[in-house]
């Protein structure tokens, strides 16, 4: 894993465009084998509770939604349960965080560089501060959508 940020690129958010950070990260395949993966982290102020992360390895693209608070907390301490877990670690001289994603019986472990991710996350909190994520939310739309997806009670 390289110790510099050569694979980092970020673009500022506008009212029409989400905040984007592109990083070259590494997936651990086994104890000594790593696969470089491009990861695009997107924050959209219309969905401020989550960060969408699109992973691109070779010709395969996979997108995960990760709680913004889970990602932020995981840079400094263990965070998340179940399918998404993040925790800090040290790889050589470089501070990193492990991102563990699980789907069924498949698990992927990624090493994330903390510094560019931490800086980018701070910008997302400048756009939508912690605690303000639900300000302006249309509870009528949310309730209608939640009820439309609910199963009918059985008799």
Protein backbone atom coordinates (compact mmCIF):
# COMPACT_ATOMS: atom_id res chain seq x y z
CA UNK A 1 0.00 0.00 0.00
CA UNK A 2 1.53 3.29 -1.01
CA UNK A 3 2.14 6.00 1.55
CA UNK A 4 1.10 8.95 -0.60
CA UNK A 5 -2.18 10.34 -1.89
CA UNK A 6 -1.51 10.00 -5.60
CA UNK A 7 -4.85 8.32 -6.15
CA UNK A 8 -6.98 10.93 -4.36
CA UNK A 9 -9.19 13.39 -6.21
CA UNK A 10 -12.10 15.37 -4.87
CA UNK A 11 -14.58 17.83 -6.28
CA UNK A 12 -16.66 20.36 -4.33
CA UNK A 13 -20.43 20.04 -4.01
CA UNK A 14 -22.87 22.35 -5.70
CA UNK A 15 -26.60 22.44 -5.17
CA UNK A 16 -26.99 20.13 -8.18
CA UNK A 17 -23.86 17.99 -7.76
CA UNK A 18 -22.88 15.74 -4.85
CA UNK A 19 -19.57 16.03 -3.04
CA UNK A 20 -17.25 13.43 -4.59
CA UNK A 21 -13.97 11.86 -3.46
CA UNK A 22 -12.17 9.33 -5.67
CA UNK A 23 -9.51 7.19 -3.99
CA UNK A 24 -7.31 4.30 -4.98
CA UNK A 25 -7.83 1.88 -2.09
CA UNK A 26 -6.74 -1.70 -1.54
CA UNK A 27 -8.73 -4.88 -1.01
CA UNK A 28 -7.07 -7.61 1.01
CA UNK A 29 -7.35 -10.90 -0.86
CA UNK A 30 -5.19 -12.82 1.62
CA UNK A 31 -2.44 -11.98 4.12
CA UNK A 32 0.05 -10.96 1.45
CA UNK A 33 -2.07 -10.22 -1.63
CA UNK A 34 -3.76 -6.87 -2.26
CA UNK A 35 -5.94 -5.73 -5.15
CA UNK A 36 -6.08 -2.05 -6.06
CA UNK A 37 -9.65 -0.77 -6.29
CA UNK A 38 -10.97 2.63 -7.32
CA UNK A 39 -13.56 3.91 -4.84
CA UNK A 40 -15.81 6.91 -5.48
CA UNK A 41 -17.32 8.30 -2.27
CA UNK A 42 -20.41 10.42 -2.97
CA UNK A 43 -22.28 12.61 -0.52
CA UNK A 44 -25.59 14.02 -1.69
CA UNK A 45 -27.20 16.58 0.59
CA UNK A 46 -30.59 15.18 -0.49
CA UNK A 47 -29.64 11.94 1.38
CA UNK A 48 -27.34 13.29 4.10
CA UNK A 49 -27.37 10.25 6.38
CA UNK A 50 -25.44 8.07 3.93
CA UNK A 51 -22.37 8.06 1.75
CA UNK A 52 -22.65 6.07 -1.48
CA UNK A 53 -19.41 4.27 -2.27
CA UNK A 54 -18.91 2.86 -5.75
CA UNK A 55 -16.11 0.31 -6.00
CA UNK A 56 -14.52 -0.33 -9.38
CA UNK A 57 -12.19 -3.30 -9.78
CA UNK A 58 -11.36 -4.26 -13.34
CA UNK A 59 -14.75 -4.08 -15.12
CA UNK A 60 -16.95 -4.70 -12.07
CA UNK A 61 -18.80 -1.84 -10.32
CA UNK A 62 -20.51 -2.29 -6.98
CA UNK A 63 -22.20 0.46 -4.94
CA UNK A 64 -22.74 0.35 -1.17
CA UNK A 65 -24.58 2.87 1.01
CA UNK A 66 -22.70 3.46 4.25
CA UNK A 67 -23.89 5.59 7.14
CA UNK A 68 -21.91 8.84 7.16
CA UNK A 69 -21.59 8.70 10.96
CA UNK A 70 -20.42 5.05 10.81
CA UNK A 71 -17.70 6.00 8.34
CA UNK A 72 -16.58 9.03 10.35
CA UNK A 73 -16.52 7.20 13.70
CA UNK A 74 -14.69 4.25 12.16
CA UNK A 75 -11.70 6.43 11.36
CA UNK A 76 -11.00 6.80 15.09
CA UNK A 77 -12.67 3.81 16.78
CA UNK A 78 -14.64 0.64 16.00
CA UNK A 79 -17.91 1.51 14.29
CA UNK A 80 -20.80 -0.31 12.68
CA UNK A 81 -22.36 -3.72 13.12
CA UNK A 82 -23.53 -6.38 10.74
CA UNK A 83 -22.86 -5.80 7.04
CA UNK A 84 -20.70 -2.66 7.43
CA UNK A 85 -17.88 -2.25 9.94
CA UNK A 86 -15.09 0.32 10.03
CA UNK A 87 -12.12 0.52 12.41
CA UNK A 88 -8.78 2.31 12.49
CA UNK A 89 -5.47 0.49 12.07
CA UNK A 90 -1.84 1.25 11.32
CA UNK A 91 -0.23 -0.23 8.24
CA UNK A 92 3.47 0.48 8.48
CA UNK A 93 3.95 4.20 8.96
CA UNK A 94 0.57 5.04 7.48
CA UNK A 95 -2.68 5.46 9.36
CA UNK A 96 -5.50 3.59 7.67
CA UNK A 97 -8.95 2.24 8.43
CA UNK A 98 -10.35 -1.17 7.66
CA UNK A 99 -13.72 -1.23 5.91
CA UNK A 100 -15.37 -4.64 6.16
CA UNK A 101 -18.41 -5.30 3.94
CA UNK A 102 -20.43 -8.49 4.19
CA UNK A 103 -23.16 -9.75 1.85
CA UNK A 104 -24.44 -13.21 2.65
CA UNK A 105 -21.43 -15.49 3.03
CA UNK A 106 -19.04 -13.15 1.16
CA UNK A 107 -16.85 -10.63 2.99
CA UNK A 108 -14.55 -7.99 1.51
CA UNK A 109 -11.91 -6.14 3.52
CA UNK A 110 -10.58 -2.80 2.27
CA UNK A 111 -7.79 -0.55 3.57
CA UNK A 112 -8.80 3.11 3.41
CA UNK A 113 -6.39 6.05 3.76
CA UNK A 114 -7.62 8.11 6.72
CA UNK A 115 -6.30 11.60 5.90
CA UNK A 116 -8.08 12.31 2.58
CA UNK A 117 -11.26 10.56 3.75
CA UNK A 118 -11.31 12.49 7.02
CA UNK A 119 -10.83 15.83 5.20
CA UNK A 120 -13.60 14.97 2.73
CA UNK A 121 -16.00 13.87 5.48
CA UNK A 122 -15.42 17.17 7.29
CA UNK A 123 -16.56 18.99 4.15
CA UNK A 124 -19.75 16.89 4.11
CA UNK A 125 -20.43 18.03 7.68
CA UNK A 126 -19.92 21.64 6.58
CA UNK A 127 -22.56 21.11 3.88
CA UNK A 128 -25.00 19.33 6.25
CA UNK A 129 -23.97 19.57 9.94
CA UNK A 130 -24.45 16.61 12.28
CA UNK A 131 -27.95 16.72 13.71
CA UNK A 132 -29.35 18.66 10.74
CA UNK A 133 -29.72 15.65 8.42
CA UNK A 134 -33.50 15.47 8.79
CA UNK A 135 -34.18 19.24 8.65
CA UNK A 136 -36.46 19.94 5.74
CA UNK A 137 -37.39 16.27 5.34
CA UNK A 138 -40.88 15.67 4.07
CA UNK A 139 -42.34 13.35 6.67
CA UNK A 140 -45.52 12.94 4.59
CA UNK A 141 -43.47 11.59 1.66
CA UNK A 142 -41.45 9.36 4.01
CA UNK A 143 -44.54 7.97 5.73
CA UNK A 144 -46.34 7.37 2.43
CA UNK A 145 -43.30 5.55 1.04
CA UNK A 146 -42.81 3.49 4.20
CA UNK A 147 -46.47 2.47 4.31
CA UNK A 148 -46.52 1.63 0.60
CA UNK A 149 -43.63 -0.79 1.15
CA UNK A 150 -45.07 -2.36 4.29
CA UNK A 151 -46.67 -5.78 3.98
CA UNK A 152 -50.35 -6.16 4.63
CA UNK A 153 -50.97 -7.65 8.08
CA UNK A 154 -52.06 -11.27 7.99
CA UNK A 155 -55.25 -12.41 9.68
